[in-house]
PDB file of N, CA and C in Angstrom:
ATOM      1  N   UNK A   1      37.646 -20.805  -2.169  1.00  0.00           N
ATOM      2  CA  UNK A   1      36.907 -21.541  -3.162  1.00  0.00           C
ATOM      3  C   UNK A   1      36.368 -22.974  -2.580  1.00  0.00           C
ATOM      4  N   UNK A   2      37.428 -23.619  -2.181  1.00  0.00           N
ATOM      5  CA  UNK A   2      37.228 -25.185  -1.509  1.00  0.00           C
ATOM      6  C   UNK A   2      36.292 -24.871  -0.362  1.00  0.00           C
ATOM      7  N   UNK A   3      36.558 -24.045   0.726  1.00  0.00           N
ATOM      8  CA  UNK A   3      35.748 -23.888   1.791  1.00  0.00           C
ATOM      9  C   UNK A   3      34.267 -23.594   1.382  1.00  0.00           C
ATOM     10  N   UNK A   4      34.222 -22.636   0.320  1.00  0.00           N
ATOM     11  CA  UNK A   4      32.948 -22.107  -0.274  1.00  0.00           C
ATOM     12  C   UNK A   4      32.031 -23.535  -0.758  1.00  0.00           C
ATOM     13  N   UNK A   5      32.728 -24.344  -1.505  1.00  0.00           N
ATOM     14  CA  UNK A   5      32.161 -25.608  -2.011  1.00  0.00           C
ATOM     15  C   UNK A   5      31.920 -26.504  -0.895  1.00  0.00           C
ATOM     16  N   UNK A   6      32.424 -26.749   0.133  1.00  0.00           N
ATOM     17  CA  UNK A   6      32.284 -27.549   1.357  1.00  0.00           C
ATOM     18  C   UNK A   6      31.033 -27.210   1.909  1.00  0.00           C
ATOM     19  N   UNK A   7      30.835 -25.847   1.994  1.00  0.00           N
ATOM     20  CA  UNK A   7      29.652 -25.392   2.837  1.00  0.00           C
ATOM     21  C   UNK A   7      28.120 -25.609   2.014  1.00  0.00           C
ATOM     22  N   UNK A   8      28.315 -25.774   0.683  1.00  0.00           N
ATOM     23  CA  UNK A   8      27.086 -26.029  -0.065  1.00  0.00           C
ATOM     24  C   UNK A   8      26.246 -27.119   0.452  1.00  0.00           C
ATOM     25  N   UNK A   9      26.566 -28.204   0.831  1.00  0.00           N
ATOM     26  CA  UNK A   9      25.768 -29.256   1.218  1.00  0.00           C
ATOM     27  C   UNK A   9      24.847 -28.795   2.607  1.00  0.00           C
ATOM     28  N   UNK A  10      25.753 -27.968   3.394  1.00  0.00           N
ATOM     29  CA  UNK A  10      25.280 -27.468   4.697  1.00  0.00           C
ATOM     30  C   UNK A  10      24.156 -26.602   4.369  1.00  0.00           C
ATOM     31  N   UNK A  11      24.336 -25.686   3.194  1.00  0.00           N
ATOM     32  CA  UNK A  11      23.239 -24.717   2.684  1.00  0.00           C
ATOM     33  C   UNK A  11      22.018 -25.480   2.292  1.00  0.00           C
ATOM     34  N   UNK A  12      22.197 -26.493   1.521  1.00  0.00           N
ATOM     35  CA  UNK A  12      21.092 -27.218   0.841  1.00  0.00           C
ATOM     36  C   UNK A  12      20.302 -28.002   2.138  1.00  0.00           C
ATOM     37  N   UNK A  13      20.994 -28.374   3.190  1.00  0.00           N
ATOM     38  CA  UNK A  13      20.215 -28.916   4.316  1.00  0.00           C
ATOM     39  C   UNK A  13      19.584 -28.106   5.125  1.00  0.00           C
ATOM     40  N   UNK A  14      20.135 -26.744   5.282  1.00  0.00           N
ATOM     41  CA  UNK A  14      19.487 -25.901   6.144  1.00  0.00           C
ATOM     42  C   UNK A  14      18.337 -24.873   5.594  1.00  0.00           C
ATOM     43  N   UNK A  15      18.603 -24.827   4.206  1.00  0.00           N
ATOM     44  CA  UNK A  15      17.679 -23.845   3.626  1.00  0.00           C
ATOM     45  C   UNK A  15      16.195 -24.098   3.589  1.00  0.00           C
ATOM     46  N   UNK A  16      15.944 -25.322   3.289  1.00  0.00           N
ATOM     47  CA  UNK A  16      14.701 -26.116   3.060  1.00  0.00           C
ATOM     48  C   UNK A  16      13.786 -25.782   4.382  1.00  0.00           C
ATOM     49  N   UNK A  17      14.419 -26.529   5.610  1.00  0.00           N
ATOM     50  CA  UNK A  17      13.718 -26.208   6.871  1.00  0.00           C
ATOM     51  C   UNK A  17      13.498 -24.764   7.237  1.00  0.00           C
ATOM     52  N   UNK A  18      14.578 -24.040   7.051  1.00  0.00           N
ATOM     53  CA  UNK A  18      14.521 -22.710   7.442  1.00  0.00           C
ATOM     54  C   UNK A  18      13.456 -21.869   6.630  1.00  0.00           C
ATOM     55  N   UNK A  19      13.488 -22.297   5.249  1.00  0.00           N
ATOM     56  CA  UNK A  19      12.156 -21.702   4.443  1.00  0.00           C
ATOM     57  C   UNK A  19      10.929 -22.051   5.036  1.00  0.00           C
ATOM     58  N   UNK A  20      10.617 -23.370   5.463  1.00  0.00           N
ATOM     59  CA  UNK A  20       9.344 -23.730   5.929  1.00  0.00           C
ATOM     60  C   UNK A  20       9.149 -23.351   7.294  1.00  0.00           C
ATOM     61  N   UNK A  21      10.276 -23.079   8.164  1.00  0.00           N
ATOM     62  CA  UNK A  21       9.889 -22.769   9.330  1.00  0.00           C
ATOM     63  C   UNK A  21       9.586 -21.029   9.552  1.00  0.00           C
ATOM     64  N   UNK A  22      10.453 -20.359   8.946  1.00  0.00           N
ATOM     65  CA  UNK A  22      10.365 -18.915   9.148  1.00  0.00           C
ATOM     66  C   UNK A  22       9.827 -18.056   7.911  1.00  0.00           C
ATOM     67  N   UNK A  23      10.145 -18.633   6.819  1.00  0.00           N
ATOM     68  CA  UNK A  23       9.591 -17.718   5.652  1.00  0.00           C
ATOM     69  C   UNK A  23       8.116 -18.094   5.255  1.00  0.00           C
ATOM     70  N   UNK A  24       7.806 -19.411   5.181  1.00  0.00           N
ATOM     71  CA  UNK A  24       6.393 -19.768   4.838  1.00  0.00           C
ATOM     72  C   UNK A  24       5.466 -19.128   5.543  1.00  0.00           C
ATOM     73  N   UNK A  25       5.555 -19.126   6.971  1.00  0.00           N
ATOM     74  CA  UNK A  25       4.343 -18.428   7.685  1.00  0.00           C
ATOM     75  C   UNK A  25       4.384 -17.044   7.061  1.00  0.00           C
ATOM     76  N   UNK A  26       5.455 -16.309   6.825  1.00  0.00           N
ATOM     77  CA  UNK A  26       5.223 -14.909   6.516  1.00  0.00           C
ATOM     78  C   UNK A  26       4.452 -14.789   5.336  1.00  0.00           C
ATOM     79  N   UNK A  27       4.476 -15.722   4.349  1.00  0.00           N
ATOM     80  CA  UNK A  27       3.619 -15.727   2.882  1.00  0.00           C
ATOM     81  C   UNK A  27       2.454 -16.497   2.923  1.00  0.00           C
ATOM     82  N   UNK A  28       2.046 -17.060   4.107  1.00  0.00           N
ATOM     83  CA  UNK A  28       0.858 -17.636   4.160  1.00  0.00           C
ATOM     84  C   UNK A  28      -0.333 -16.628   3.708  1.00  0.00           C
ATOM     85  N   UNK A  29      -1.463 -17.123   3.215  1.00  0.00           N
ATOM     86  CA  UNK A  29      -2.532 -16.096   2.818  1.00  0.00           C
ATOM     87  C   UNK A  29      -2.771 -15.131   3.797  1.00  0.00           C
ATOM     88  N   UNK A  30      -2.672 -15.517   5.224  1.00  0.00           N
ATOM     89  CA  UNK A  30      -2.948 -14.558   6.301  1.00  0.00           C
ATOM     90  C   UNK A  30      -1.678 -14.010   6.899  1.00  0.00           C
ATOM     91  N   UNK A  31      -0.516 -14.123   6.284  1.00  0.00           N
ATOM     92  CA  UNK A  31       0.972 -14.051   6.864  1.00  0.00           C
ATOM     93  C   UNK A  31       1.172 -12.456   6.723  1.00  0.00           C
ATOM     94  N   UNK A  32       2.326 -12.163   7.621  1.00  0.00           N
ATOM     95  CA  UNK A  32       2.576 -10.847   7.831  1.00  0.00           C
ATOM     96  C   UNK A  32       2.928 -10.102   6.378  1.00  0.00           C
ATOM     97  N   UNK A  33       3.574 -10.874   5.560  1.00  0.00           N
ATOM     98  CA  UNK A  33       3.953 -10.323   4.355  1.00  0.00           C
ATOM     99  C   UNK A  33       3.228 -10.285   3.181  1.00  0.00           C
ATOM    100  N   UNK A  34       2.084 -10.945   3.423  1.00  0.00           N
ATOM    101  CA  UNK A  34       1.048 -11.401   2.413  1.00  0.00           C
ATOM    102  C   UNK A  34       0.568 -10.151   1.592  1.00  0.00           C
ATOM    103  N   UNK A  35       0.393  -9.121   2.099  1.00  0.00           N
ATOM    104  CA  UNK A  35      -0.244  -8.017   1.671  1.00  0.00           C
ATOM    105  C   UNK A  35       0.958  -7.387   0.769  1.00  0.00           C
ATOM    106  N   UNK A  36       2.171  -7.253   1.411  1.00  0.00           N
ATOM    107  CA  UNK A  36       3.188  -6.332   0.655  1.00  0.00           C
ATOM    108  C   UNK A  36       3.902  -7.314  -0.389  1.00  0.00           C
ATOM    109  N   UNK A  37       4.616  -8.411  -0.020  1.00  0.00           N
ATOM    110  CA  UNK A  37       5.195  -9.092  -0.824  1.00  0.00           C
ATOM    111  C   UNK A  37       4.452 -10.344  -1.736  1.00  0.00           C
ATOM    112  N   UNK A  38       3.124 -10.548  -1.155  1.00  0.00           N
ATOM    113  CA  UNK A  38       2.440 -11.402  -1.907  1.00  0.00           C
ATOM    114  C   UNK A  38       2.091 -11.336  -3.326  1.00  0.00           C
ATOM    115  N   UNK A  39       1.772 -10.095  -3.772  1.00  0.00           N
ATOM    116  CA  UNK A  39       1.681  -9.893  -5.230  1.00  0.00           C
ATOM    117  C   UNK A  39       2.973 -10.035  -6.010  1.00  0.00           C
ATOM    118  N   UNK A  40       4.135 -10.084  -5.264  1.00  0.00           N
ATOM    119  CA  UNK A  40       5.462 -10.354  -6.127  1.00  0.00           C
ATOM    120  C   UNK A  40       5.838 -11.699  -6.256  1.00  0.00           C
ATOM    121  N   UNK A  41       5.694 -12.513  -5.082  1.00  0.00           N
ATOM    122  CA  UNK A  41       6.140 -14.100  -5.007  1.00  0.00           C
ATOM    123  C   UNK A  41       4.898 -14.610  -4.863  1.00  0.00           C
ATOM    124  N   UNK A  42       3.855 -14.208  -4.561  1.00  0.00           N
ATOM    125  CA  UNK A  42       2.517 -15.247  -4.335  1.00  0.00           C
ATOM    126  C   UNK A  42       2.326 -15.456  -2.961  1.00  0.00           C
ATOM    127  N   UNK A  43       1.388 -16.187  -2.349  1.00  0.00           N
ATOM    128  CA  UNK A  43       1.153 -16.676  -1.214  1.00  0.00           C
ATOM    129  C   UNK A  43       0.790 -18.012  -1.265  1.00  0.00           C
ATOM    130  N   UNK A  44       0.923 -18.764  -0.184  1.00  0.00           N
ATOM    131  CA  UNK A  44       0.605 -20.125   0.014  1.00  0.00           C
ATOM    132  C   UNK A  44       1.776 -21.114  -0.162  1.00  0.00           C
ATOM    133  N   UNK A  45       1.741 -22.236  -0.242  1.00  0.00           N
ATOM    134  CA  UNK A  45       2.781 -23.399  -0.207  1.00  0.00           C
ATOM    135  C   UNK A  45       4.005 -22.850  -0.927  1.00  0.00           C
ATOM    136  N   UNK A  46       5.260 -23.108  -0.656  1.00  0.00           N
ATOM    137  CA  UNK A  46       6.448 -22.857  -1.485  1.00  0.00           C
ATOM    138  C   UNK A  46       6.784 -21.588  -1.698  1.00  0.00           C
ATOM    139  N   UNK A  47       6.083 -20.512  -1.183  1.00  0.00           N
ATOM    140  CA  UNK A  47       6.356 -19.274  -1.294  1.00  0.00           C
ATOM    141  C   UNK A  47       7.393 -18.736  -0.164  1.00  0.00           C
ATOM    142  N   UNK A  48       7.765 -19.453   0.742  1.00  0.00           N
ATOM    143  CA  UNK A  48       8.766 -19.190   1.522  1.00  0.00           C
ATOM    144  C   UNK A  48      10.177 -19.310   0.956  1.00  0.00           C
ATOM    145  N   UNK A  49      10.301 -20.407   0.037  1.00  0.00           N
ATOM    146  CA  UNK A  49      11.671 -20.546  -0.742  1.00  0.00           C
ATOM    147  C   UNK A  49      11.766 -19.578  -1.618  1.00  0.00           C
ATOM    148  N   UNK A  50      10.443 -19.113  -2.319  1.00  0.00           N
ATOM    149  CA  UNK A  50      10.685 -17.985  -3.291  1.00  0.00           C
ATOM    150  C   UNK A  50      11.082 -16.767  -2.884  1.00  0.00           C
ATOM    151  N   UNK A  51      10.639 -16.334  -1.476  1.00  0.00           N
ATOM    152  CA  UNK A  51      11.231 -15.365  -0.941  1.00  0.00           C
ATOM    153  C   UNK A  51      12.761 -15.339  -0.549  1.00  0.00           C
ATOM    154  N   UNK A  52      13.102 -16.306  -0.182  1.00  0.00           N
ATOM    155  CA  UNK A  52      14.697 -16.755   0.018  1.00  0.00           C
ATOM    156  C   UNK A  52      15.413 -16.445  -1.251  1.00  0.00           C
ATOM    157  N   UNK A  53      15.055 -17.069  -2.459  1.00  0.00           N
ATOM    158  CA  UNK A  53      15.533 -16.898  -3.539  1.00  0.00           C
ATOM    159  C   UNK A  53      15.621 -15.540  -4.037  1.00  0.00           C
ATOM    160  N   UNK A  54      14.555 -14.915  -3.943  1.00  0.00           N
ATOM    161  CA  UNK A  54      14.201 -13.300  -4.268  1.00  0.00           C
ATOM    162  C   UNK A  54      15.504 -12.464  -3.293  1.00  0.00           C
ATOM    163  N   UNK A  55      15.415 -12.732  -2.031  1.00  0.00           N
ATOM    164  CA  UNK A  55      16.337 -11.983  -1.229  1.00  0.00           C
ATOM    165  C   UNK A  55      17.843 -12.549  -1.479  1.00  0.00           C
ATOM    166  N   UNK A  56      18.202 -13.689  -1.916  1.00  0.00           N
ATOM    167  CA  UNK A  56      19.464 -13.907  -2.225  1.00  0.00           C
ATOM    168  C   UNK A  56      19.887 -13.432  -3.638  1.00  0.00           C
ATOM    169  N   UNK A  57      18.931 -13.416  -4.437  1.00  0.00           N
ATOM    170  CA  UNK A  57      19.340 -12.661  -5.707  1.00  0.00           C
ATOM    171  C   UNK A  57      19.559 -11.040  -5.372  1.00  0.00           C
ATOM    172  N   UNK A  58      18.761 -10.523  -4.602  1.00  0.00           N
ATOM    173  CA  UNK A  58      19.058  -9.053  -4.069  1.00  0.00           C
ATOM    174  C   UNK A  58      20.203  -8.835  -3.463  1.00  0.00           C
ATOM    175  N   UNK A  59      20.833  -9.828  -2.730  1.00  0.00           N
ATOM    176  CA  UNK A  59      21.923  -9.639  -2.137  1.00  0.00           C
ATOM    177  C   UNK A  59      23.177  -9.800  -3.191  1.00  0.00           C
ATOM    178  N   UNK A  60      23.030 -10.753  -4.008  1.00  0.00           N
ATOM    179  CA  UNK A  60      24.057 -10.722  -5.013  1.00  0.00           C
ATOM    180  C   UNK A  60      24.238  -9.870  -6.041  1.00  0.00           C
ATOM    181  N   UNK A  61      23.055  -9.135  -6.245  1.00  0.00           N
ATOM    182  CA  UNK A  61      22.958  -8.155  -7.196  1.00  0.00           C
ATOM    183  C   UNK A  61      23.884  -6.851  -6.311  1.00  0.00           C
ATOM    184  N   UNK A  62      23.482  -6.655  -5.068  1.00  0.00           N
ATOM    185  CA  UNK A  62      24.021  -5.595  -4.355  1.00  0.00           C
ATOM    186  C   UNK A  62      25.650  -5.757  -4.379  1.00  0.00           C
ATOM    187  N   UNK A  63      26.170  -7.158  -4.033  1.00  0.00           N
ATOM    188  CA  UNK A  63      27.537  -7.348  -4.130  1.00  0.00           C
ATOM    189  C   UNK A  63      28.222  -7.102  -5.453  1.00  0.00           C
ATOM    190  N   UNK A  64      27.513  -7.286  -6.297  1.00  0.00           N
ATOM    191  CA  UNK A  64      28.017  -7.112  -7.827  1.00  0.00           C
ATOM    192  C   UNK A  64      28.055  -5.586  -7.997  1.00  0.00           C
ATOM    193  N   UNK A  65      27.108  -4.695  -7.624  1.00  0.00           N
ATOM    194  CA  UNK A  65      27.190  -3.202  -7.837  1.00  0.00           C
ATOM    195  C   UNK A  65      28.142  -2.814  -6.985  1.00  0.00           C
ATOM    196  N   UNK A  66      28.397  -3.249  -5.807  1.00  0.00           N
ATOM    197  CA  UNK A  66      29.372  -2.784  -4.609  1.00  0.00           C
ATOM    198  C   UNK A  66      30.860  -2.994  -5.454  1.00  0.00           C
ATOM    199  N   UNK A  67      30.984  -4.081  -6.148  1.00  0.00           N
ATOM    200  CA  UNK A  67      32.235  -4.456  -6.691  1.00  0.00           C
ATOM    201  C   UNK A  67      32.526  -3.493  -7.956  1.00  0.00           C
ATOM    202  N   UNK A  68      31.432  -3.320  -8.675  1.00  0.00           N
ATOM    203  CA  UNK A  68      31.463  -2.612  -9.802  1.00  0.00           C
ATOM    204  C   UNK A  68      31.708  -1.012  -9.497  1.00  0.00           C
ATOM    205  N   UNK A  69      31.404  -0.527  -8.415  1.00  0.00           N
ATOM    206  CA  UNK A  69      31.631   0.892  -7.953  1.00  0.00           C
ATOM    207  C   UNK A  69      33.017   1.008  -7.447  1.00  0.00           C
ATOM    208  N   UNK A  70      33.645  -0.113  -7.057  1.00  0.00           N
ATOM    209  CA  UNK A  70      35.188  -0.072  -6.541  1.00  0.00           C
ATOM    210  C   UNK A  70      35.920  -0.024  -7.902  1.00  0.00           C
ATOM    211  N   UNK A  71      36.575   1.348  -8.153  1.00  0.00           N
ATOM    212  CA  UNK A  71      37.207   1.833  -9.330  1.00  0.00           C
ATOM    213  C   UNK A  71      38.549   0.623  -9.396  1.00  0.00           C
ATOM    214  N   UNK A  72      39.121   0.380  -8.323  1.00  0.00           N
ATOM    215  CA  UNK A  72      40.299  -0.484  -8.273  1.00  0.00           C
ATOM    216  C   UNK A  72      40.017  -2.035  -8.868  1.00  0.00           C
ATOM    217  N   UNK A  73      38.970  -2.240  -8.204  1.00  0.00           N
ATOM    218  CA  UNK A  73      38.459  -3.783  -8.573  1.00  0.00           C
ATOM    219  C   UNK A  73      37.851  -3.878 -10.114  1.00  0.00           C
ATOM    220  N   UNK A  74      37.297  -2.610 -10.529  1.00  0.00           N
ATOM    221  CA  UNK A  74      36.668  -2.914 -11.941  1.00  0.00           C
ATOM    222  C   UNK A  74      37.822  -2.522 -12.999  1.00  0.00           C
ATOM    223  N   UNK A  75      38.813  -2.064 -12.674  1.00  0.00           N
ATOM    224  CA  UNK A  75      39.813  -1.948 -13.696  1.00  0.00           C
ATOM    225  C   UNK A  75      41.192  -2.730 -13.228  1.00  0.00           C
ATOM    226  N   UNK A  76      41.120  -3.885 -12.541  1.00  0.00           N
ATOM    227  CA  UNK A  76      42.076  -4.742 -12.072  1.00  0.00           C
ATOM    228  C   UNK A  76      42.903  -5.139 -13.270  1.00  0.00           C
ATOM    229  N   UNK A  77      42.346  -5.648 -14.274  1.00  0.00           N
ATOM    230  CA  UNK A  77      43.034  -6.191 -15.456  1.00  0.00           C
ATOM    231  C   UNK A  77      43.801  -4.967 -16.089  1.00  0.00           C
ATOM    232  N   UNK A  78      43.449  -3.692 -16.151  1.00  0.00           N
ATOM    233  CA  UNK A  78      44.136  -2.670 -16.628  1.00  0.00           C
ATOM    234  C   UNK A  78      45.388  -2.399 -15.888  1.00  0.00           C
ATOM    235  N   UNK A  79      45.226  -2.313 -14.617  1.00  0.00           N
ATOM    236  CA  UNK A  79      46.328  -2.006 -13.618  1.00  0.00           C
ATOM    237  C   UNK A  79      47.476  -3.237 -13.586  1.00  0.00           C
ATOM    238  N   UNK A  80      47.115  -4.409 -13.634  1.00  0.00           N
ATOM    239  CA  UNK A  80      48.045  -5.499 -13.572  1.00  0.00           C
ATOM    240  C   UNK A  80      48.689  -5.611 -15.010  1.00  0.00           C
ATOM    241  N   UNK A  81      50.163  -5.806 -14.684  1.00  0.00           N
ATOM    242  CA  UNK A  81      50.887  -5.890 -16.116  1.00  0.00           C
ATOM    243  C   UNK A  81      50.668  -7.270 -16.623  1.00  0.00           C
ATOM    244  N   UNK A  82      50.582  -7.199 -18.170  1.00  0.00           N
ATOM    245  CA  UNK A  82      50.564  -8.585 -18.732  1.00  0.00           C
ATOM    246  C   UNK A  82      52.079  -9.214 -18.611  1.00  0.00           C
ATOM    247  N   UNK A  83      51.901 -10.603 -18.774  1.00  0.00           N
ATOM    248  CA  UNK A  83      53.234 -11.459 -18.450  1.00  0.00           C
ATOM    249  C   UNK A  83      53.952 -11.372 -19.943  1.00  0.00           C
ATOM    250  N   UNK A  84      55.160 -10.693 -19.703  1.00  0.00           N
ATOM    251  CA  UNK A  84      56.103 -10.704 -21.057  1.00  0.00           C
ATOM    252  C   UNK A  84      57.044 -11.664 -20.788  1.00  0.00           C
ATOM    253  N   UNK A  85      56.920 -12.809 -21.440  1.00  0.00           N
ATOM    254  CA  UNK A  85      57.975 -13.858 -21.194  1.00  0.00           C
ATOM    255  C   UNK A  85      59.330 -13.447 -21.721  1.00  0.00           C
ATOM    256  N   UNK A  86      60.184 -13.839 -20.929  1.00  0.00           N
ATOM    257  CA  UNK A  86      61.694 -13.581 -21.269  1.00  0.00           C
ATOM    258  C   UNK A  86      62.293 -14.474 -22.243  1.00  0.00           C
ATOM    259  N   UNK A  87      63.331 -14.279 -22.790  1.00  0.00           N
ATOM    260  CA  UNK A  87      63.841 -15.149 -23.768  1.00  0.00           C
ATOM    261  C   UNK A  87      64.382 -16.458 -23.434  1.00  0.00           C
ATOM    262  N   UNK A  88      64.799 -16.418 -21.976  1.00  0.00           N
ATOM    263  CA  UNK A  88      65.246 -17.695 -21.382  1.00  0.00           C
ATOM    264  C   UNK A  88      64.239 -18.424 -20.661  1.00  0.00           C
ATOM    265  N   UNK A  89      64.250 -19.754 -20.655  1.00  0.00           N
ATOM    266  CA  UNK A  89      63.151 -20.449 -19.748  1.00  0.00           C
ATOM    267  C   UNK A  89      63.894 -20.517 -18.250  1.00  0.00           C
ATOM    268  N   UNK A  90      63.138 -19.979 -17.429  1.00  0.00           N
ATOM    269  CA  UNK A  90      63.388 -19.908 -16.066  1.00  0.00           C
ATOM    270  C   UNK A  90      62.535 -20.754 -15.149  1.00  0.00           C
ATOM    271  N   UNK A  91      63.099 -20.796 -14.070  1.00  0.00           N
ATOM    272  CA  UNK A  91      62.202 -21.498 -12.921  1.00  0.00           C
ATOM    273  C   UNK A  91      61.107 -20.560 -12.356  1.00  0.00           C
ATOM    274  N   UNK A  92      60.037 -21.068 -11.834  1.00  0.00           N
ATOM    275  CA  UNK A  92      58.898 -20.190 -11.271  1.00  0.00           C
ATOM    276  C   UNK A  92      59.209 -19.093 -10.285  1.00  0.00           C
ATOM    277  N   UNK A  93      60.340 -19.330  -9.513  1.00  0.00           N
ATOM    278  CA  UNK A  93      60.637 -18.361  -8.658  1.00  0.00           C
ATOM    279  C   UNK A  93      61.415 -17.174  -9.212  1.00  0.00           C
ATOM    280  N   UNK A  94      62.034 -17.496 -10.247  1.00  0.00           N
ATOM    281  CA  UNK A  94      62.662 -16.243 -11.006  1.00  0.00           C
ATOM    282  C   UNK A  94      61.664 -15.481 -11.756  1.00  0.00           C
ATOM    283  N   UNK A  95      60.679 -16.215 -12.549  1.00  0.00           N
ATOM    284  CA  UNK A  95      59.779 -15.728 -13.082  1.00  0.00           C
ATOM    285  C   UNK A  95      58.870 -14.759 -12.072  1.00  0.00           C
ATOM    286  N   UNK A  96      58.609 -15.231 -11.044  1.00  0.00           N
ATOM    287  CA  UNK A  96      57.837 -14.553  -9.931  1.00  0.00           C
ATOM    288  C   UNK A  96      58.629 -13.382  -9.555  1.00  0.00           C
ATOM    289  N   UNK A  97      59.787 -13.276  -9.334  1.00  0.00           N
ATOM    290  CA  UNK A  97      60.796 -12.240  -8.829  1.00  0.00           C
ATOM    291  C   UNK A  97      60.496 -11.138 -10.057  1.00  0.00           C
ATOM    292  N   UNK A  98      60.738 -11.419 -11.177  1.00  0.00           N
ATOM    293  CA  UNK A  98      60.579 -10.576 -12.373  1.00  0.00           C
ATOM    294  C   UNK A  98      59.317  -9.994 -12.389  1.00  0.00           C
ATOM    295  N   UNK A  99      58.227 -10.639 -12.139  1.00  0.00           N
ATOM    296  CA  UNK A  99      56.850 -10.044 -12.236  1.00  0.00           C
ATOM    297  C   UNK A  99      56.738  -9.125 -11.007  1.00  0.00           C
ATOM    298  N   UNK A 100      57.162  -9.647  -9.797  1.00  0.00           N
ATOM    299  CA  UNK A 100      56.960  -8.562  -8.852  1.00  0.00           C
ATOM    300  C   UNK A 100      57.727  -7.325  -8.882  1.00  0.00           C
ATOM    301  N   UNK A 101      58.934  -7.400  -9.625  1.00  0.00           N
ATOM    302  CA  UNK A 101      59.833  -6.126  -9.962  1.00  0.00           C
ATOM    303  C   UNK A 101      59.253  -5.315 -10.800  1.00  0.00           C
ATOM    304  N   UNK A 102      58.524  -5.942 -11.979  1.00  0.00           N
ATOM    305  CA  UNK A 102      57.597  -5.162 -12.859  1.00  0.00           C
ATOM    306  C   UNK A 102      56.518  -4.289 -12.121  1.00  0.00           C
ATOM    307  N   UNK A 103      55.901  -4.980 -11.182  1.00  0.00           N
ATOM    308  CA  UNK A 103      54.904  -4.503 -10.558  1.00  0.00           C
ATOM    309  C   UNK A 103      55.212  -3.318  -9.742  1.00  0.00           C
ATOM    310  N   UNK A 104      56.311  -3.333  -8.997  1.00  0.00           N
ATOM    311  CA  UNK A 104      56.755  -2.183  -8.070  1.00  0.00           C
ATOM    312  C   UNK A 104      57.399  -1.117  -8.821  1.00  0.00           C
ATOM    313  N   UNK A 105      57.679  -1.334 -10.131  1.00  0.00           N
ATOM    314  CA  UNK A 105      58.251  -0.151 -10.878  1.00  0.00           C
ATOM    315  C   UNK A 105      57.200   0.581 -11.643  1.00  0.00           C
TER     316      UNK A 105
END
């Protein structure tokens, strides 16, 4: 999670120039994708960033569907045992050993 958060400023710094350099020409009024994607996201200035947002949304939706189709991931809360506290207050290592033993059984 920390590594992901550290890469966000890099993404912000890279995505704007990338949209202007590679995606904006594709959605210019006479661009290569103006006829196919132009009716969906429009043509002209700022449409390159709209294309990147559309593509990232499609990728995130694909990942969500992929995770949902994985039965083990979808039912992870059903497969993992709930924590049943013991009567004695123990240290974390003992609690972890007990939880691991319940998982294996």
